[in-house]
Amino acid sequence: MSACMKDRFPFFGIRTPDRRELVKEHIARHGPPTLDELPAISRSVFALPQRELHQVAVDLLMKHAKRSGPDHLPLLE
């Protein structure tokens, strides 16, 4: 997998279906993040090096895309 990502990002090695299941379980236990929490969550997750965490942030942003407003555009760039 390291060769696939051309050594650009460290990663945990969690496959997408497993990652999504983990997030689903977390949301079931703790509730989904609010739209107001998304910017802080996204920024803090993208500050971490692991690629899977970046993908979690993208998944969360996509789930809230229809409810997002102009203030959220910088997160999508």
PDB file of N, CA and C in Angstrom:
ATOM      1  N   MET A   1       0.825  -1.194   0.000  1.00  0.00           N
ATOM      2  CA  MET A   1       0.000   0.000   0.000  1.00  0.00           C
ATOM      3  C   MET A   1       0.868   1.256   0.000  1.00  0.00           C
ATOM      4  N   SER A   2       2.019   1.188   0.639  1.00  0.00           N
ATOM      5  CA  SER A   2       2.923   2.324   0.669  1.00  0.00           C
ATOM      6  C   SER A   2       3.334   2.737  -0.745  1.00  0.00           C
ATOM      7  N   ALA A   3       3.594   1.763  -1.601  1.00  0.00           N
ATOM      8  CA  ALA A   3       3.960   2.059  -2.983  1.00  0.00           C
ATOM      9  C   ALA A   3       2.794   2.697  -3.724  1.00  0.00           C
ATOM     10  N   CYS A   4       1.596   2.253  -3.437  1.00  0.00           N
ATOM     11  CA  CYS A   4       0.403   2.800  -4.075  1.00  0.00           C
ATOM     12  C   CYS A   4       0.255   4.287  -3.768  1.00  0.00           C
ATOM     13  N   MET A   5       0.559   4.675  -2.543  1.00  0.00           N
ATOM     14  CA  MET A   5       0.453   6.071  -2.147  1.00  0.00           C
ATOM     15  C   MET A   5       1.763   6.822  -2.372  1.00  0.00           C
ATOM     16  N   LYS A   6       2.722   6.151  -2.984  1.00  0.00           N
ATOM     17  CA  LYS A   6       4.010   6.748  -3.329  1.00  0.00           C
ATOM     18  C   LYS A   6       4.692   7.381  -2.124  1.00  0.00           C
ATOM     19  N   ASP A   7       4.524   6.756  -0.968  1.00  0.00           N
ATOM     20  CA  ASP A   7       5.143   7.209   0.285  1.00  0.00           C
ATOM     21  C   ASP A   7       4.815   8.662   0.631  1.00  0.00           C
ATOM     22  N   ARG A   8       3.673   9.138   0.214  1.00  0.00           N
ATOM     23  CA  ARG A   8       3.292  10.522   0.491  1.00  0.00           C
ATOM     24  C   ARG A   8       2.643  10.685   1.862  1.00  0.00           C
ATOM     25  N   PHE A   9       1.973   9.641   2.352  1.00  0.00           N
ATOM     26  CA  PHE A   9       1.268   9.727   3.620  1.00  0.00           C
ATOM     27  C   PHE A   9       1.534   8.470   4.439  1.00  0.00           C
ATOM     28  N   PRO A  10       1.755   8.630   5.737  1.00  0.00           N
ATOM     29  CA  PRO A  10       1.736   7.430   6.586  1.00  0.00           C
ATOM     30  C   PRO A  10       0.289   6.940   6.688  1.00  0.00           C
ATOM     31  N   PHE A  11       0.115   5.690   6.983  1.00  0.00           N
ATOM     32  CA  PHE A  11      -1.239   5.160   7.044  1.00  0.00           C
ATOM     33  C   PHE A  11      -1.294   4.026   8.061  1.00  0.00           C
ATOM     34  N   PHE A  12      -2.499   3.732   8.529  1.00  0.00           N
ATOM     35  CA  PHE A  12      -2.727   2.645   9.472  1.00  0.00           C
ATOM     36  C   PHE A  12      -2.898   1.304   8.772  1.00  0.00           C
ATOM     37  N   GLY A  13      -3.335   1.329   7.528  1.00  0.00           N
ATOM     38  CA  GLY A  13      -3.598   0.089   6.805  1.00  0.00           C
ATOM     39  C   GLY A  13      -5.031  -0.400   6.966  1.00  0.00           C
ATOM     40  N   ILE A  14      -5.927   0.503   7.357  1.00  0.00           N
ATOM     41  CA  ILE A  14      -7.340   0.149   7.531  1.00  0.00           C
ATOM     42  C   ILE A  14      -8.036   0.318   6.182  1.00  0.00           C
ATOM     43  N   ARG A  15      -8.658  -0.729   5.713  1.00  0.00           N
ATOM     44  CA  ARG A  15      -9.364  -0.677   4.430  1.00  0.00           C
ATOM     45  C   ARG A  15     -10.642   0.153   4.563  1.00  0.00           C
ATOM     46  N   THR A  16     -11.085   0.702   3.452  1.00  0.00           N
ATOM     47  CA  THR A  16     -12.238   1.612   3.445  1.00  0.00           C
ATOM     48  C   THR A  16     -13.487   1.012   4.098  1.00  0.00           C
ATOM     49  N   PRO A  17     -13.911  -0.211   3.762  1.00  0.00           N
ATOM     50  CA  PRO A  17     -15.125  -0.731   4.423  1.00  0.00           C
ATOM     51  C   PRO A  17     -14.957  -0.836   5.945  1.00  0.00           C
ATOM     52  N   ASP A  18     -13.775  -1.231   6.396  1.00  0.00           N
ATOM     53  CA  ASP A  18     -13.529  -1.333   7.840  1.00  0.00           C
ATOM     54  C   ASP A  18     -13.517   0.046   8.492  1.00  0.00           C
ATOM     55  N   ARG A  19     -12.894   1.025   7.817  1.00  0.00           N
ATOM     56  CA  ARG A  19     -12.845   2.391   8.332  1.00  0.00           C
ATOM     57  C   ARG A  19     -14.254   2.952   8.471  1.00  0.00           C
ATOM     58  N   ARG A  20     -15.069   2.748   7.453  1.00  0.00           N
ATOM     59  CA  ARG A  20     -16.439   3.259   7.495  1.00  0.00           C
ATOM     60  C   ARG A  20     -17.266   2.578   8.572  1.00  0.00           C
ATOM     61  N   GLU A  21     -17.028   1.309   8.800  1.00  0.00           N
ATOM     62  CA  GLU A  21     -17.728   0.590   9.868  1.00  0.00           C
ATOM     63  C   GLU A  21     -17.318   1.135  11.237  1.00  0.00           C
ATOM     64  N   LEU A  22     -16.039   1.433  11.421  1.00  0.00           N
ATOM     65  CA  LEU A  22     -15.571   2.013  12.681  1.00  0.00           C
ATOM     66  C   LEU A  22     -16.213   3.372  12.937  1.00  0.00           C
ATOM     67  N   VAL A  23     -16.303   4.191  11.905  1.00  0.00           N
ATOM     68  CA  VAL A  23     -16.929   5.507  12.050  1.00  0.00           C
ATOM     69  C   VAL A  23     -18.414   5.346  12.364  1.00  0.00           C
ATOM     70  N   LYS A  24     -19.055   4.408  11.700  1.00  0.00           N
ATOM     71  CA  LYS A  24     -20.475   4.148  11.940  1.00  0.00           C
ATOM     72  C   LYS A  24     -20.714   3.738  13.396  1.00  0.00           C
ATOM     73  N   GLU A  25     -19.857   2.867  13.918  1.00  0.00           N
ATOM     74  CA  GLU A  25     -19.973   2.452  15.320  1.00  0.00           C
ATOM     75  C   GLU A  25     -19.739   3.623  16.268  1.00  0.00           C
ATOM     76  N   HIS A  26     -18.765   4.452  15.947  1.00  0.00           N
ATOM     77  CA  HIS A  26     -18.480   5.625  16.785  1.00  0.00           C
ATOM     78  C   HIS A  26     -19.686   6.570  16.815  1.00  0.00           C
ATOM     79  N   ILE A  27     -20.272   6.803  15.651  1.00  0.00           N
ATOM     80  CA  ILE A  27     -21.436   7.694  15.575  1.00  0.00           C
ATOM     81  C   ILE A  27     -22.630   7.090  16.309  1.00  0.00           C
ATOM     82  N   ALA A  28     -22.791   5.784  16.242  1.00  0.00           N
ATOM     83  CA  ALA A  28     -23.881   5.120  16.966  1.00  0.00           C
ATOM     84  C   ALA A  28     -23.724   5.303  18.474  1.00  0.00           C
ATOM     85  N   ARG A  29     -22.501   5.279  18.961  1.00  0.00           N
ATOM     86  CA  ARG A  29     -22.255   5.427  20.402  1.00  0.00           C
ATOM     87  C   ARG A  29     -22.308   6.870  20.869  1.00  0.00           C
ATOM     88  N   HIS A  30     -21.721   7.767  20.074  1.00  0.00           N
ATOM     89  CA  HIS A  30     -21.515   9.145  20.529  1.00  0.00           C
ATOM     90  C   HIS A  30     -22.367  10.176  19.799  1.00  0.00           C
ATOM     91  N   GLY A  31     -23.104   9.739  18.799  1.00  0.00           N
ATOM     92  CA  GLY A  31     -23.920  10.657  18.019  1.00  0.00           C
ATOM     93  C   GLY A  31     -23.107  11.297  16.901  1.00  0.00           C
ATOM     94  N   PRO A  32     -23.800  11.772  15.883  1.00  0.00           N
ATOM     95  CA  PRO A  32     -23.093  12.390  14.766  1.00  0.00           C
ATOM     96  C   PRO A  32     -22.596  13.784  15.147  1.00  0.00           C
ATOM     97  N   PRO A  33     -21.532  14.241  14.506  1.00  0.00           N
ATOM     98  CA  PRO A  33     -21.077  15.604  14.781  1.00  0.00           C
ATOM     99  C   PRO A  33     -22.084  16.607  14.229  1.00  0.00           C
ATOM    100  N   THR A  34     -22.191  17.736  14.888  1.00  0.00           N
ATOM    101  CA  THR A  34     -23.078  18.787  14.391  1.00  0.00           C
ATOM    102  C   THR A  34     -22.376  19.535  13.267  1.00  0.00           C
ATOM    103  N   LEU A  35     -23.155  20.268  12.522  1.00  0.00           N
ATOM    104  CA  LEU A  35     -22.604  21.056  11.428  1.00  0.00           C
ATOM    105  C   LEU A  35     -21.596  22.083  11.958  1.00  0.00           C
ATOM    106  N   ASP A  36     -21.840  22.603  13.142  1.00  0.00           N
ATOM    107  CA  ASP A  36     -20.917  23.575  13.748  1.00  0.00           C
ATOM    108  C   ASP A  36     -19.601  22.938  14.188  1.00  0.00           C
ATOM    109  N   GLU A  37     -19.621  21.653  14.480  1.00  0.00           N
ATOM    110  CA  GLU A  37     -18.402  20.956  14.912  1.00  0.00           C
ATOM    111  C   GLU A  37     -17.509  20.539  13.743  1.00  0.00           C
ATOM    112  N   LEU A  38     -18.072  20.456  12.553  1.00  0.00           N
ATOM    113  CA  LEU A  38     -17.320  19.962  11.401  1.00  0.00           C
ATOM    114  C   LEU A  38     -16.032  20.719  11.089  1.00  0.00           C
ATOM    115  N   PRO A  39     -16.030  22.040  11.106  1.00  0.00           N
ATOM    116  CA  PRO A  39     -14.771  22.726  10.804  1.00  0.00           C
ATOM    117  C   PRO A  39     -13.634  22.342  11.754  1.00  0.00           C
ATOM    118  N   ALA A  40     -13.908  22.319  13.042  1.00  0.00           N
ATOM    119  CA  ALA A  40     -12.866  21.970  14.013  1.00  0.00           C
ATOM    120  C   ALA A  40     -12.422  20.522  13.848  1.00  0.00           C
ATOM    121  N   ILE A  41     -13.377  19.628  13.627  1.00  0.00           N
ATOM    122  CA  ILE A  41     -13.043  18.220  13.430  1.00  0.00           C
ATOM    123  C   ILE A  41     -12.184  18.062  12.183  1.00  0.00           C
ATOM    124  N   SER A  42     -12.592  18.673  11.104  1.00  0.00           N
ATOM    125  CA  SER A  42     -11.857  18.536   9.842  1.00  0.00           C
ATOM    126  C   SER A  42     -10.444  19.085   9.949  1.00  0.00           C
ATOM    127  N   ARG A  43     -10.309  20.263  10.528  1.00  0.00           N
ATOM    128  CA  ARG A  43      -8.972  20.862  10.657  1.00  0.00           C
ATOM    129  C   ARG A  43      -8.059  20.019  11.551  1.00  0.00           C
ATOM    130  N   SER A  44      -8.598  19.531  12.658  1.00  0.00           N
ATOM    131  CA  SER A  44      -7.761  18.743  13.563  1.00  0.00           C
ATOM    132  C   SER A  44      -7.369  17.405  12.940  1.00  0.00           C
ATOM    133  N   VAL A  45      -8.273  16.799  12.197  1.00  0.00           N
ATOM    134  CA  VAL A  45      -7.981  15.511  11.561  1.00  0.00           C
ATOM    135  C   VAL A  45      -6.966  15.676  10.433  1.00  0.00           C
ATOM    136  N   PHE A  46      -7.116  16.732   9.632  1.00  0.00           N
ATOM    137  CA  PHE A  46      -6.164  16.949   8.534  1.00  0.00           C
ATOM    138  C   PHE A  46      -4.789  17.365   9.047  1.00  0.00           C
ATOM    139  N   ALA A  47      -4.696  17.785  10.294  1.00  0.00           N
ATOM    140  CA  ALA A  47      -3.390  18.118  10.877  1.00  0.00           C
ATOM    141  C   ALA A  47      -2.606  16.848  11.231  1.00  0.00           C
ATOM    142  N   LEU A  48      -3.298  15.731  11.309  1.00  0.00           N
ATOM    143  CA  LEU A  48      -2.650  14.456  11.606  1.00  0.00           C
ATOM    144  C   LEU A  48      -2.135  13.826  10.310  1.00  0.00           C
ATOM    145  N   PRO A  49      -1.090  13.033  10.376  1.00  0.00           N
ATOM    146  CA  PRO A  49      -0.482  12.541   9.137  1.00  0.00           C
ATOM    147  C   PRO A  49      -1.174  11.352   8.465  1.00  0.00           C
ATOM    148  N   GLN A  50      -1.905  10.548   9.194  1.00  0.00           N
ATOM    149  CA  GLN A  50      -2.437   9.307   8.634  1.00  0.00           C
ATOM    150  C   GLN A  50      -3.557   9.560   7.627  1.00  0.00           C
ATOM    151  N   ARG A  51      -3.424   8.921   6.490  1.00  0.00           N
ATOM    152  CA  ARG A  51      -4.342   9.107   5.368  1.00  0.00           C
ATOM    153  C   ARG A  51      -5.776   8.686   5.701  1.00  0.00           C
ATOM    154  N   GLU A  52      -5.940   7.622   6.449  1.00  0.00           N
ATOM    155  CA  GLU A  52      -7.292   7.154   6.784  1.00  0.00           C
ATOM    156  C   GLU A  52      -8.070   8.219   7.570  1.00  0.00           C
ATOM    157  N   LEU A  53      -7.376   8.971   8.399  1.00  0.00           N
ATOM    158  CA  LEU A  53      -8.049  10.020   9.165  1.00  0.00           C
ATOM    159  C   LEU A  53      -8.528  11.135   8.240  1.00  0.00           C
ATOM    160  N   HIS A  54      -7.736  11.455   7.220  1.00  0.00           N
ATOM    161  CA  HIS A  54      -8.156  12.443   6.225  1.00  0.00           C
ATOM    162  C   HIS A  54      -9.422  11.961   5.521  1.00  0.00           C
ATOM    163  N   GLN A  55      -9.461  10.674   5.211  1.00  0.00           N
ATOM    164  CA  GLN A  55     -10.618  10.111   4.517  1.00  0.00           C
ATOM    165  C   GLN A  55     -11.864  10.147   5.399  1.00  0.00           C
ATOM    166  N   VAL A  56     -11.706   9.986   6.694  1.00  0.00           N
ATOM    167  CA  VAL A  56     -12.843  10.100   7.616  1.00  0.00           C
ATOM    168  C   VAL A  56     -13.407  11.518   7.553  1.00  0.00           C
ATOM    169  N   ALA A  57     -12.528  12.513   7.564  1.00  0.00           N
ATOM    170  CA  ALA A  57     -12.987  13.904   7.494  1.00  0.00           C
ATOM    171  C   ALA A  57     -13.747  14.156   6.187  1.00  0.00           C
ATOM    172  N   VAL A  58     -13.225  13.654   5.084  1.00  0.00           N
ATOM    173  CA  VAL A  58     -13.891  13.831   3.793  1.00  0.00           C
ATOM    174  C   VAL A  58     -15.263  13.152   3.814  1.00  0.00           C
ATOM    175  N   ASP A  59     -15.338  11.950   4.360  1.00  0.00           N
ATOM    176  CA  ASP A  59     -16.624  11.248   4.453  1.00  0.00           C
ATOM    177  C   ASP A  59     -17.637  12.059   5.272  1.00  0.00           C
ATOM    178  N   LEU A  60     -17.196  12.613   6.395  1.00  0.00           N
ATOM    179  CA  LEU A  60     -18.099  13.404   7.238  1.00  0.00           C
ATOM    180  C   LEU A  60     -18.559  14.662   6.510  1.00  0.00           C
ATOM    181  N   LEU A  61     -17.637  15.314   5.812  1.00  0.00           N
ATOM    182  CA  LEU A  61     -18.005  16.518   5.059  1.00  0.00           C
ATOM    183  C   LEU A  61     -19.001  16.189   3.949  1.00  0.00           C
ATOM    184  N   MET A  62     -18.805  15.062   3.302  1.00  0.00           N
ATOM    185  CA  MET A  62     -19.721  14.660   2.229  1.00  0.00           C
ATOM    186  C   MET A  62     -21.117  14.362   2.776  1.00  0.00           C
ATOM    187  N   LYS A  63     -21.189  13.762   3.959  1.00  0.00           N
ATOM    188  CA  LYS A  63     -22.496  13.461   4.552  1.00  0.00           C
ATOM    189  C   LYS A  63     -23.269  14.737   4.888  1.00  0.00           C
ATOM    190  N   HIS A  64     -22.532  15.807   5.183  1.00  0.00           N
ATOM    191  CA  HIS A  64     -23.164  17.067   5.561  1.00  0.00           C
ATOM    192  C   HIS A  64     -23.183  18.074   4.413  1.00  0.00           C
ATOM    193  N   ALA A  65     -22.812  17.674   3.230  1.00  0.00           N
ATOM    194  CA  ALA A  65     -22.644  18.603   2.106  1.00  0.00           C
ATOM    195  C   ALA A  65     -23.912  19.396   1.794  1.00  0.00           C
ATOM    196  N   LYS A  66     -25.053  18.766   1.833  1.00  0.00           N
ATOM    197  CA  LYS A  66     -26.303  19.462   1.485  1.00  0.00           C
ATOM    198  C   LYS A  66     -26.673  20.526   2.518  1.00  0.00           C
ATOM    199  N   ARG A  67     -26.226  20.342   3.744  1.00  0.00           N
ATOM    200  CA  ARG A  67     -26.543  21.305   4.807  1.00  0.00           C
ATOM    201  C   ARG A  67     -25.452  22.338   5.002  1.00  0.00           C
ATOM    202  N   SER A  68     -24.332  22.168   4.320  1.00  0.00           N
ATOM    203  CA  SER A  68     -23.206  23.094   4.468  1.00  0.00           C
ATOM    204  C   SER A  68     -23.513  24.416   3.803  1.00  0.00           C
ATOM    205  N   GLY A  69     -22.914  25.467   4.345  1.00  0.00           N
ATOM    206  CA  GLY A  69     -23.106  26.802   3.784  1.00  0.00           C
ATOM    207  C   GLY A  69     -21.787  27.372   3.275  1.00  0.00           C
ATOM    208  N   PRO A  70     -21.799  28.633   2.897  1.00  0.00           N
ATOM    209  CA  PRO A  70     -20.593  29.284   2.383  1.00  0.00           C
ATOM    210  C   PRO A  70     -19.419  29.258   3.369  1.00  0.00           C
ATOM    211  N   ASP A  71     -19.712  29.237   4.652  1.00  0.00           N
ATOM    212  CA  ASP A  71     -18.634  29.202   5.654  1.00  0.00           C
ATOM    213  C   ASP A  71     -17.824  27.916   5.591  1.00  0.00           C
ATOM    214  N   HIS A  72     -18.400  26.864   5.027  1.00  0.00           N
ATOM    215  CA  HIS A  72     -17.730  25.574   4.968  1.00  0.00           C
ATOM    216  C   HIS A  72     -16.881  25.382   3.706  1.00  0.00           C
ATOM    217  N   LEU A  73     -16.979  26.306   2.756  1.00  0.00           N
ATOM    218  CA  LEU A  73     -16.239  26.170   1.504  1.00  0.00           C
ATOM    219  C   LEU A  73     -14.718  26.048   1.706  1.00  0.00           C
ATOM    220  N   PRO A  74     -14.099  26.797   2.607  1.00  0.00           N
ATOM    221  CA  PRO A  74     -12.647  26.633   2.792  1.00  0.00           C
ATOM    222  C   PRO A  74     -12.255  25.213   3.203  1.00  0.00           C
ATOM    223  N   LEU A  75     -13.139  24.495   3.848  1.00  0.00           N
ATOM    224  CA  LEU A  75     -12.840  23.120   4.255  1.00  0.00           C
ATOM    225  C   LEU A  75     -12.775  22.195   3.052  1.00  0.00           C
ATOM    226  N   LEU A  76     -13.449  22.545   2.005  1.00  0.00           N
ATOM    227  CA  LEU A  76     -13.531  21.667   0.839  1.00  0.00           C
ATOM    228  C   LEU A  76     -12.426  21.925  -0.167  1.00  0.00           C
ATOM    229  N   GLU A  77     -11.662  22.965   0.032  1.00  0.00           N
ATOM    230  CA  GLU A  77     -10.590  23.285  -0.913  1.00  0.00           C
ATOM    231  C   GLU A  77      -9.395  22.395  -0.739  1.00  0.00           C
TER     232      GLU A  77
END
